[in-house]
Amino acid sequence: MSSTLLWILAAILVVVGIVQLFQGQIILGVVLIVAGCLVGPGGYSIFRRSAEH
C-alpha cells in the first residue's frame, strides 16, 4: 500500500516537473524531477533507508 502511494507521489512530482520545464522554469522543473526520483520506491529512495533501520 505505501509503495503504491510513493509511486503515485513520485509520478505526480515528475509530471509537474516536466510541465515546469515546458513553461520555462528550468531549475524548478529539474528539482521536481529529481525529487520524484528520490521519493519513488524504485531505484534510490529517501524513504527506503529509514525503513531498513
N, C-alpha and C. Protein backbone atom coordinates (compact mmCIF):
# COMPACT_ATOMS: atom_id res chain seq x y z
N MET A 1 0.83 -1.20 0.00
CA MET A 1 0.00 0.00 0.00
C MET A 1 0.86 1.25 0.00
N SER A 2 1.86 1.31 0.90
CA SER A 2 2.68 2.52 0.96
C SER A 2 3.54 2.68 -0.29
N SER A 3 3.98 1.56 -0.88
CA SER A 3 4.79 1.69 -2.10
C SER A 3 3.93 2.24 -3.25
N THR A 4 2.65 1.90 -3.27
CA THR A 4 1.76 2.45 -4.29
C THR A 4 1.61 3.96 -4.13
N LEU A 5 1.47 4.41 -2.90
CA LEU A 5 1.37 5.85 -2.65
C LEU A 5 2.65 6.57 -3.03
N LEU A 6 3.80 5.94 -2.77
CA LEU A 6 5.07 6.55 -3.15
C LEU A 6 5.21 6.64 -4.67
N TRP A 7 4.74 5.61 -5.39
CA TRP A 7 4.77 5.66 -6.85
C TRP A 7 3.90 6.78 -7.37
N ILE A 8 2.72 6.93 -6.79
CA ILE A 8 1.80 7.99 -7.23
C ILE A 8 2.41 9.36 -6.96
N LEU A 9 2.96 9.55 -5.77
CA LEU A 9 3.59 10.82 -5.43
C LEU A 9 4.77 11.11 -6.34
N ALA A 10 5.59 10.11 -6.61
CA ALA A 10 6.74 10.29 -7.50
C ALA A 10 6.29 10.64 -8.91
N ALA A 11 5.25 9.97 -9.40
CA ALA A 11 4.74 10.26 -10.74
C ALA A 11 4.21 11.69 -10.83
N ILE A 12 3.51 12.12 -9.81
CA ILE A 12 2.97 13.49 -9.81
C ILE A 12 4.11 14.50 -9.82
N LEU A 13 5.14 14.27 -9.00
CA LEU A 13 6.27 15.19 -8.96
C LEU A 13 6.97 15.27 -10.31
N VAL A 14 7.16 14.14 -10.96
CA VAL A 14 7.84 14.13 -12.26
C VAL A 14 6.99 14.82 -13.32
N VAL A 15 5.70 14.56 -13.34
CA VAL A 15 4.83 15.20 -14.33
C VAL A 15 4.80 16.71 -14.13
N VAL A 16 4.68 17.15 -12.89
CA VAL A 16 4.69 18.59 -12.62
C VAL A 16 6.05 19.18 -13.00
N GLY A 17 7.12 18.45 -12.76
CA GLY A 17 8.45 18.91 -13.15
C GLY A 17 8.59 19.08 -14.65
N ILE A 18 8.04 18.15 -15.41
CA ILE A 18 8.08 18.25 -16.87
C ILE A 18 7.26 19.43 -17.36
N VAL A 19 6.10 19.65 -16.75
CA VAL A 19 5.27 20.81 -17.11
C VAL A 19 6.03 22.10 -16.83
N GLN A 20 6.73 22.16 -15.70
CA GLN A 20 7.50 23.35 -15.37
C GLN A 20 8.63 23.58 -16.37
N LEU A 21 9.25 22.50 -16.86
CA LEU A 21 10.28 22.64 -17.88
C LEU A 21 9.71 23.26 -19.15
N PHE A 22 8.54 22.82 -19.56
CA PHE A 22 7.91 23.37 -20.76
C PHE A 22 7.47 24.82 -20.57
N GLN A 23 7.22 25.23 -19.34
CA GLN A 23 6.84 26.61 -19.07
C GLN A 23 8.05 27.52 -18.92
N GLY A 24 9.23 26.95 -19.01
CA GLY A 24 10.44 27.76 -18.97
C GLY A 24 11.10 27.86 -17.61
N GLN A 25 10.56 27.20 -16.61
CA GLN A 25 11.16 27.23 -15.27
C GLN A 25 12.05 26.01 -15.12
N ILE A 26 13.27 26.15 -15.63
CA ILE A 26 14.19 25.02 -15.73
C ILE A 26 14.59 24.49 -14.36
N ILE A 27 15.00 25.38 -13.47
CA ILE A 27 15.51 24.94 -12.16
C ILE A 27 14.42 24.23 -11.36
N LEU A 28 13.23 24.81 -11.30
CA LEU A 28 12.13 24.18 -10.56
C LEU A 28 11.76 22.84 -11.18
N GLY A 29 11.74 22.76 -12.50
CA GLY A 29 11.42 21.50 -13.18
C GLY A 29 12.42 20.41 -12.85
N VAL A 30 13.70 20.76 -12.89
CA VAL A 30 14.73 19.77 -12.59
C VAL A 30 14.65 19.32 -11.13
N VAL A 31 14.41 20.28 -10.23
CA VAL A 31 14.30 19.94 -8.81
C VAL A 31 13.12 19.00 -8.58
N LEU A 32 11.99 19.25 -9.22
CA LEU A 32 10.82 18.38 -9.04
C LEU A 32 11.06 16.99 -9.61
N ILE A 33 11.74 16.90 -10.75
CA ILE A 33 12.03 15.60 -11.34
C ILE A 33 12.98 14.81 -10.45
N VAL A 34 14.01 15.46 -9.94
CA VAL A 34 14.94 14.79 -9.03
C VAL A 34 14.22 14.35 -7.75
N ALA A 35 13.35 15.22 -7.23
CA ALA A 35 12.58 14.87 -6.04
C ALA A 35 11.69 13.66 -6.30
N GLY A 36 11.10 13.60 -7.49
CA GLY A 36 10.29 12.44 -7.86
C GLY A 36 11.10 11.16 -7.89
N CYS A 37 12.33 11.25 -8.38
CA CYS A 37 13.20 10.07 -8.40
C CYS A 37 13.61 9.65 -6.99
N LEU A 38 13.79 10.61 -6.10
CA LEU A 38 14.18 10.28 -4.72
C LEU A 38 13.03 9.71 -3.91
N VAL A 39 11.81 10.14 -4.21
CA VAL A 39 10.65 9.69 -3.45
C VAL A 39 10.20 8.31 -3.90
N GLY A 40 10.32 8.03 -5.18
CA GLY A 40 9.81 6.77 -5.73
C GLY A 40 10.45 5.55 -5.11
N PRO A 41 9.69 4.47 -4.95
CA PRO A 41 10.22 3.26 -4.32
C PRO A 41 11.19 2.49 -5.21
N GLY A 42 11.20 2.74 -6.49
CA GLY A 42 12.15 2.09 -7.39
C GLY A 42 13.46 2.83 -7.42
N GLY A 43 14.58 2.12 -7.56
CA GLY A 43 15.88 2.78 -7.58
C GLY A 43 16.24 3.32 -6.22
N TYR A 44 16.80 4.53 -6.17
CA TYR A 44 17.20 5.13 -4.91
C TYR A 44 16.00 5.84 -4.30
N SER A 45 15.69 5.54 -3.07
CA SER A 45 14.56 6.16 -2.39
C SER A 45 15.00 6.71 -1.06
N ILE A 46 14.61 7.94 -0.75
CA ILE A 46 14.97 8.52 0.54
C ILE A 46 14.23 7.84 1.68
N PHE A 47 13.11 7.19 1.38
CA PHE A 47 12.33 6.52 2.42
C PHE A 47 12.83 5.11 2.67
N ARG A 48 13.53 4.51 1.74
CA ARG A 48 14.00 3.14 1.89
C ARG A 48 15.02 3.02 3.02
N ARG A 49 15.93 4.00 3.14
CA ARG A 49 16.96 3.93 4.18
C ARG A 49 16.36 3.99 5.57
N SER A 50 15.33 4.83 5.77
CA SER A 50 14.73 4.93 7.10
C SER A 50 13.92 3.69 7.45
N ALA A 51 13.44 2.97 6.45
CA ALA A 51 12.63 1.78 6.71
C ALA A 51 13.53 0.58 7.11
N GLU A 52 14.80 0.59 6.65
CA GLU A 52 15.68 -0.54 6.96
C GLU A 52 16.18 -0.48 8.38
N HIS A 53 16.29 0.69 8.96
CA HIS A 53 16.87 0.82 10.30
C HIS A 53 15.87 0.66 11.36
